[in-house]
Amino acid sequence: MGHRTVLVTAHTGKQSALRSARLVASRLTAAGVAVRTLAAELSVPGAEEVPAGPAAAEGTELVIVLGGDGALLRAAELSRPAGVPLIGVNLGHVGFLAEAEPDGLADTVDRVVSGDYVVEERMTIDVTARGNGDVIASTWALNEATVEKAARERMIDVVVEVDGRPLSQWGCDGVVCSTPTGSTAYAFSAGGPVVWPEVEALLMVPISAHALFAPPMVVSPKSELAIELVVSVETSGAVLWCDGRRKVDLPPGARVEVRRGALPVLLARLHAPGTSGSRFTDRLVAKFGLPVTGWRGRTREDAGEHA
C-alpha cells in the first residue's frame, strides 16, 4: 500500500488516554506505519509532531482518537477538511461515535494495519449566523447547532422557519438543529427522537418551549432551517453553539440558518457481522442499559417460513 501515515490524538486531560495513545503509536510504528501526533498533546519516540491545524491530517490514511465523543468531535475538525476517516477508541462511558473499547486496543490497531475496516459517511450541517443581514459566523457541526438563551433567568423569543416559510414563534430556552448522528446527544436530552445513522434527515427540537405546538420535528435533508431572534424587552441575549465546542454570541434580531453540510465526516468502522443499523441498536442497548432479557429472536420455523 506504499507509505502509510496515521494521526494519533488523545483526550489530553486523561492519563489513561495518553498511555493508550502511546501504546497505539508504538504498535503502529512496529508494524511499519508512520505515526503523526499533535505537538502540544503527545510526544512519542519516532512520531512526527505537527501543529493542531487544518493541515494536521492532510496526507494521512486515518485518524485514531483515544477518548470519548468530545475528543472525537475535536478530531473531526482536523479530519473533515482532509477527507480522512476517524476511528474512536472509547475511554470512559459508552460513546456513540467511538468504535472500539480500551480492552480491544491491540486488536483495533492490528485491524487498522491490515486495512480491515470500512468507511461510512456521516452527514454534517453547515451553519450561518447573520446580524443585520451581514454574515457574522459561518461554521458547521457533526452533532448539532443550538441557539440558546445566554442568561439563565430569561427565555429567548424565536420564530422558526422551514424552507423559507415561517412555522411558529416560541418563547423557549433554545432550539436544537441536529443531524441523525446528533439525535442521541443534546437533541435527545431535549426530547427529540432517536434516528438511526443511515437515515438522512434534519431534526429541529425546541428546548422547554412555552407553546401548545412545539414537538420535535424531522424534516428532509434538503430542507433549510432558520431560527430568528425576536427582539423584545422580556427576552435575553442568545448564543449559538456548534457541537458544544464552537460558540458565537448572537446580537438582538440575529438569524441562524442551517442546511445539510457540504462535507461529511468519515467514520471508520471495524468489520463486524450485521449492518451498521444492527450495531447501532446494540450500542443503544449498551448505552442506556436497556432491558432485552425477554428477547428470543427469530426461531428456526420463522426462518424456514421466509426462506
Protein backbone atom coordinates (compact mmCIF):
# COMPACT_ATOMS: atom_id res chain seq x y z
CA MET A 1 0.00 0.00 0.00
CA GLY A 2 3.05 2.25 -0.12
CA HIS A 3 3.88 4.79 2.59
CA ARG A 4 1.16 4.87 5.27
CA THR A 5 0.70 7.52 7.94
CA VAL A 6 -1.81 7.59 10.80
CA LEU A 7 -2.54 10.61 13.03
CA VAL A 8 -2.99 9.62 16.69
CA THR A 9 -4.79 12.07 19.01
CA ALA A 10 -5.91 11.76 22.63
CA HIS A 11 -8.00 13.39 25.34
CA THR A 12 -5.11 15.25 26.98
CA GLY A 13 -6.87 15.53 30.33
CA LYS A 14 -6.84 11.77 30.81
CA GLN A 15 -3.65 9.91 31.69
CA SER A 16 -5.30 6.67 30.52
CA ALA A 17 -5.86 8.26 27.08
CA LEU A 18 -2.23 9.38 26.81
CA ARG A 19 -0.99 5.93 27.88
CA SER A 20 -3.26 4.24 25.35
CA ALA A 21 -2.16 6.67 22.62
CA ARG A 22 1.50 5.83 23.24
CA LEU A 23 0.69 2.12 23.08
CA VAL A 24 -1.19 2.62 19.78
CA ALA A 25 1.67 4.68 18.35
CA SER A 26 4.35 2.12 19.27
CA ARG A 27 2.29 -0.75 17.84
CA LEU A 28 1.72 1.14 14.57
CA THR A 29 5.41 2.05 14.31
CA ALA A 30 6.40 -1.60 14.91
CA ALA A 31 4.11 -2.58 12.01
CA GLY A 32 5.86 -0.11 9.69
CA VAL A 33 3.10 2.54 9.74
CA ALA A 34 4.35 6.12 10.21
CA VAL A 35 2.75 7.95 13.15
CA ARG A 36 1.89 11.63 13.38
CA THR A 37 0.87 13.36 16.63
CA LEU A 38 -0.23 16.86 17.62
CA ALA A 39 2.77 18.74 19.01
CA ALA A 40 1.05 20.24 22.06
CA GLU A 41 -0.64 16.97 23.00
CA LEU A 42 1.51 13.89 22.76
CA SER A 43 5.20 13.10 22.48
CA VAL A 44 6.03 9.66 21.12
CA PRO A 45 9.51 8.47 20.09
CA GLY A 46 9.77 8.32 16.29
CA ALA A 47 6.48 10.15 15.66
CA GLU A 48 6.22 13.26 13.50
CA GLU A 49 4.84 16.14 15.61
CA VAL A 50 2.61 18.63 13.78
CA PRO A 51 0.69 21.74 14.92
CA ALA A 52 -3.05 21.32 15.56
CA GLY A 53 -4.44 22.99 12.45
CA PRO A 54 -6.26 22.26 9.20
CA ALA A 55 -3.16 20.58 7.72
CA ALA A 56 -2.65 18.14 10.64
CA ALA A 57 -4.49 15.25 8.99
CA GLU A 58 -3.52 16.03 5.37
CA GLY A 59 -1.98 13.01 3.65
CA THR A 60 -2.83 10.55 6.44
CA GLU A 61 -4.82 7.36 5.95
CA LEU A 62 -6.71 7.54 9.23
CA VAL A 63 -7.07 9.49 12.47
CA ILE A 64 -7.19 7.36 15.63
CA VAL A 65 -8.79 9.14 18.61
CA LEU A 66 -8.33 7.97 22.20
CA GLY A 67 -11.08 9.43 24.38
CA GLY A 68 -14.82 9.99 24.47
CA ASP A 69 -17.17 11.60 21.97
CA GLY A 70 -15.84 15.06 22.90
CA ALA A 71 -12.33 14.09 21.80
CA LEU A 72 -13.79 12.65 18.59
CA LEU A 73 -15.72 15.85 17.83
CA ARG A 74 -12.49 17.81 18.31
CA ALA A 75 -10.59 15.45 15.99
CA ALA A 76 -13.36 15.80 13.37
CA GLU A 77 -12.28 19.44 12.96
CA LEU A 78 -8.96 18.09 11.66
CA SER A 79 -10.17 15.07 9.70
CA ARG A 80 -13.15 16.62 7.88
CA PRO A 81 -11.27 19.14 5.71
CA ALA A 82 -8.66 16.49 4.87
CA GLY A 83 -11.34 13.94 3.85
CA VAL A 84 -9.74 11.38 6.20
CA PRO A 85 -11.75 8.86 8.26
CA LEU A 86 -11.76 8.85 12.07
CA ILE A 87 -11.81 5.84 14.34
CA GLY A 88 -12.50 6.38 18.04
CA VAL A 89 -11.40 4.21 20.95
CA ASN A 90 -13.80 4.98 23.77
CA LEU A 91 -12.33 5.68 27.20
CA GLY A 92 -14.91 6.19 29.93
CA HIS A 93 -18.66 5.87 29.37
CA VAL A 94 -20.10 4.24 26.25
CA GLY A 95 -19.72 6.71 23.39
CA PHE A 96 -21.95 6.69 20.33
CA LEU A 97 -19.23 7.81 17.95
CA ALA A 98 -16.37 5.67 19.22
CA GLU A 99 -15.94 2.31 17.52
CA ALA A 100 -13.72 0.32 19.89
CA GLU A 101 -13.33 -0.19 23.63
CA PRO A 102 -9.99 0.01 25.50
CA ASP A 103 -9.76 -3.75 26.11
CA GLY A 104 -9.70 -4.27 22.33
CA LEU A 105 -6.93 -1.74 21.72
CA ALA A 106 -4.29 -4.12 20.32
CA ASP A 107 -6.86 -5.83 18.10
CA THR A 108 -8.08 -2.44 16.82
CA VAL A 109 -4.54 -1.43 15.82
CA ASP A 110 -3.90 -4.79 14.16
CA ARG A 111 -7.08 -4.44 12.11
CA VAL A 112 -6.16 -0.89 11.09
CA VAL A 113 -2.73 -2.16 9.99
CA SER A 114 -4.33 -4.93 7.90
CA GLY A 115 -6.90 -2.48 6.42
CA ASP A 116 -9.75 -4.46 7.97
CA TYR A 117 -12.21 -1.57 8.25
CA VAL A 118 -14.96 0.10 6.27
CA VAL A 119 -15.64 3.83 5.99
CA GLU A 120 -19.10 5.35 6.43
CA GLU A 121 -20.18 8.92 5.78
CA ARG A 122 -21.93 10.88 8.49
CA MET A 123 -24.00 13.85 7.43
CA THR A 124 -23.00 17.25 8.83
CA ILE A 125 -24.73 20.63 8.89
CA ASP A 126 -23.44 23.97 7.64
CA VAL A 127 -24.45 26.86 9.90
CA THR A 128 -24.58 30.56 9.04
CA ALA A 129 -25.33 33.32 11.58
CA ARG A 130 -26.40 36.75 10.34
CA GLY A 131 -26.82 40.06 12.14
CA ASN A 132 -28.40 43.00 10.30
CA GLY A 133 -28.07 40.97 7.09
CA ASP A 134 -24.29 40.58 7.46
CA VAL A 135 -22.72 37.17 7.99
CA ILE A 136 -21.20 37.16 11.48
CA ALA A 137 -20.24 33.46 11.55
CA SER A 138 -20.02 30.56 9.13
CA THR A 139 -19.40 27.21 10.76
CA TRP A 140 -20.54 23.56 10.83
CA ALA A 141 -21.45 20.69 13.15
CA LEU A 142 -21.49 16.89 13.18
CA ASN A 143 -24.00 16.58 16.05
CA GLU A 144 -25.98 19.79 16.39
CA ALA A 145 -26.23 23.56 16.28
CA THR A 146 -28.18 25.11 19.13
CA VAL A 147 -29.48 28.61 19.59
CA GLU A 148 -29.78 29.08 23.35
CA LYS A 149 -30.55 31.78 25.89
CA ALA A 150 -27.44 33.42 27.33
CA ALA A 151 -28.97 34.28 30.73
CA ARG A 152 -30.43 31.61 32.99
CA GLU A 153 -33.34 33.72 34.23
CA ARG A 154 -34.70 34.83 30.84
CA MET A 155 -36.14 33.00 27.85
CA ILE A 156 -35.47 33.83 24.22
CA ASP A 157 -38.23 34.57 21.72
CA VAL A 158 -37.73 32.92 18.33
CA VAL A 159 -39.54 32.44 15.04
CA VAL A 160 -38.57 29.18 13.35
CA GLU A 161 -38.64 28.77 9.59
CA VAL A 162 -38.58 25.72 7.30
CA ASP A 163 -37.77 26.13 3.60
CA GLY A 164 -38.30 29.88 3.63
CA ARG A 165 -41.71 29.74 5.35
CA PRO A 166 -42.43 30.69 8.98
CA LEU A 167 -43.62 27.76 11.12
CA SER A 168 -44.15 29.11 14.62
CA GLN A 169 -42.98 31.52 17.30
CA TRP A 170 -41.78 30.18 20.63
CA GLY A 171 -40.72 31.60 23.94
CA CYS A 172 -38.15 28.96 24.88
CA ASP A 173 -34.76 28.14 26.35
CA GLY A 174 -33.47 27.38 22.85
CA VAL A 175 -33.76 25.31 19.68
CA VAL A 176 -31.59 22.36 18.65
CA CYS A 177 -30.96 21.69 14.95
CA SER A 178 -29.47 18.21 14.77
CA THR A 179 -28.18 15.56 12.38
CA PRO A 180 -29.15 11.88 12.83
CA THR A 181 -25.73 11.40 14.47
CA GLY A 182 -26.63 14.12 16.97
CA SER A 183 -30.04 12.60 17.72
CA THR A 184 -28.55 10.74 20.72
CA ALA A 185 -26.79 13.87 22.04
CA TYR A 186 -28.32 17.24 23.02
CA ALA A 187 -31.43 16.72 20.85
CA PHE A 188 -32.18 13.52 22.80
CA SER A 189 -31.94 15.40 26.14
CA ALA A 190 -34.40 17.96 24.76
CA GLY A 191 -36.94 15.22 23.97
CA GLY A 192 -36.08 14.55 20.33
CA PRO A 193 -36.39 11.17 18.60
CA VAL A 194 -33.57 8.65 18.20
CA VAL A 195 -32.70 8.49 14.49
CA TRP A 196 -30.66 5.60 13.12
CA PRO A 197 -27.46 6.87 11.41
CA GLU A 198 -28.38 5.65 7.90
CA VAL A 199 -31.48 7.85 7.87
CA GLU A 200 -30.91 11.14 6.06
CA ALA A 201 -32.83 13.89 7.83
CA LEU A 202 -32.55 17.12 9.78
CA LEU A 203 -34.08 17.47 13.25
CA MET A 204 -35.46 20.62 14.87
CA VAL A 205 -36.11 20.23 18.60
CA PRO A 206 -37.31 23.12 20.81
CA ILE A 207 -35.93 23.29 24.36
CA SER A 208 -38.59 23.97 27.03
CA ALA A 209 -40.89 25.91 24.69
CA HIS A 210 -43.94 27.67 26.14
CA ALA A 211 -46.34 26.74 23.33
CA LEU A 212 -49.07 24.23 22.51
CA PHE A 213 -47.31 23.32 19.26
CA ALA A 214 -43.66 22.62 19.97
CA PRO A 215 -42.97 18.99 19.03
CA PRO A 216 -39.61 17.66 17.88
CA MET A 217 -39.66 17.77 14.07
CA VAL A 218 -37.91 15.64 11.46
CA VAL A 219 -37.53 17.29 8.05
CA SER A 220 -35.97 16.45 4.69
CA PRO A 221 -32.16 16.61 4.41
CA LYS A 222 -32.77 19.01 1.50
CA SER A 223 -34.68 21.42 3.75
CA GLU A 224 -33.24 24.66 5.06
CA LEU A 225 -33.98 25.57 8.66
CA ALA A 226 -33.74 29.05 10.15
CA ILE A 227 -34.15 30.49 13.65
CA GLU A 228 -34.76 34.23 14.00
CA LEU A 229 -34.45 36.03 17.33
CA VAL A 230 -37.42 38.27 18.04
CA VAL A 231 -36.34 41.49 19.73
CA SER A 232 -38.39 42.21 22.86
CA VAL A 233 -37.80 43.72 26.29
CA GLU A 234 -38.63 40.48 28.12
CA THR A 235 -36.11 38.27 26.35
CA SER A 236 -32.41 37.85 26.95
CA GLY A 237 -29.36 37.60 24.74
CA ALA A 238 -28.64 34.39 22.86
CA VAL A 239 -25.68 32.27 21.82
CA LEU A 240 -25.07 29.76 19.04
CA TRP A 241 -23.20 26.57 19.96
CA CYS A 242 -21.97 24.03 17.40
CA ASP A 243 -21.17 20.57 18.81
CA GLY A 244 -20.78 22.24 22.23
CA ARG A 245 -17.37 23.42 21.01
CA ARG A 246 -17.73 26.48 18.81
CA LYS A 247 -19.59 29.45 20.35
CA VAL A 248 -20.95 32.58 18.67
CA ASP A 249 -22.60 35.42 20.62
CA LEU A 250 -25.74 36.45 18.74
CA PRO A 251 -26.84 40.09 18.56
CA PRO A 252 -30.55 41.03 19.00
CA GLY A 253 -32.56 40.09 15.91
CA ALA A 254 -29.94 37.63 14.65
CA ARG A 255 -30.81 34.88 12.20
CA VAL A 256 -29.23 31.40 12.18
CA GLU A 257 -29.55 29.27 9.04
CA VAL A 258 -28.93 25.51 8.98
CA ARG A 259 -28.61 23.26 5.95
CA ARG A 260 -27.05 19.96 5.06
CA GLY A 261 -23.24 20.21 5.20
CA ALA A 262 -21.21 20.23 2.01
CA LEU A 263 -18.58 17.95 3.59
CA PRO A 264 -19.45 14.80 5.56
CA VAL A 265 -17.41 13.41 8.44
CA LEU A 266 -15.96 9.99 7.63
CA LEU A 267 -16.03 7.34 10.37
CA ALA A 268 -14.03 4.13 10.11
CA ARG A 269 -15.81 1.03 11.35
CA LEU A 270 -14.17 -2.31 12.05
CA HIS A 271 -15.63 -5.14 10.00
CA ALA A 272 -18.30 -6.83 12.08
CA PRO A 273 -21.29 -9.06 11.37
CA GLY A 274 -24.59 -7.32 10.72
CA THR A 275 -25.45 -3.94 9.25
CA SER A 276 -24.41 -0.68 10.87
CA GLY A 277 -28.07 -0.35 11.87
CA SER A 278 -27.93 -3.51 13.95
CA ARG A 279 -24.66 -2.35 15.54
CA PHE A 280 -26.34 0.97 16.39
CA THR A 281 -29.19 -0.95 18.05
CA ASP A 282 -26.62 -2.83 20.17
CA ARG A 283 -24.99 0.49 21.05
CA LEU A 284 -28.33 1.93 22.24
CA VAL A 285 -28.88 -1.13 24.43
CA ALA A 286 -25.38 -0.79 25.93
CA LYS A 287 -25.52 3.00 26.35
CA PHE A 288 -28.87 3.12 28.12
CA GLY A 289 -28.76 -0.29 29.80
CA LEU A 290 -31.97 -1.27 28.02
CA PRO A 291 -33.79 -4.42 29.20
CA VAL A 292 -33.71 -7.09 26.47
CA THR A 293 -33.81 -10.26 28.57
CA GLY A 294 -37.15 -11.43 27.12
CA TRP A 295 -35.92 -11.32 23.50
CA ARG A 296 -35.92 -14.67 21.68
CA GLY A 297 -35.14 -13.54 18.13
CA ARG A 298 -36.34 -15.39 15.07
CA THR A 299 -36.89 -19.09 15.55
CA ARG A 300 -35.86 -21.74 13.01
CA GLU A 301 -39.52 -22.10 12.00
CA ASP A 302 -39.70 -18.35 11.26
CA ALA A 303 -36.53 -18.56 9.22
CA GLY A 304 -37.99 -21.51 7.27
CA GLU A 305 -41.20 -19.57 6.51
CA HIS A 306 -39.23 -16.71 5.00
CA ALA A 307 -36.63 -18.82 3.22
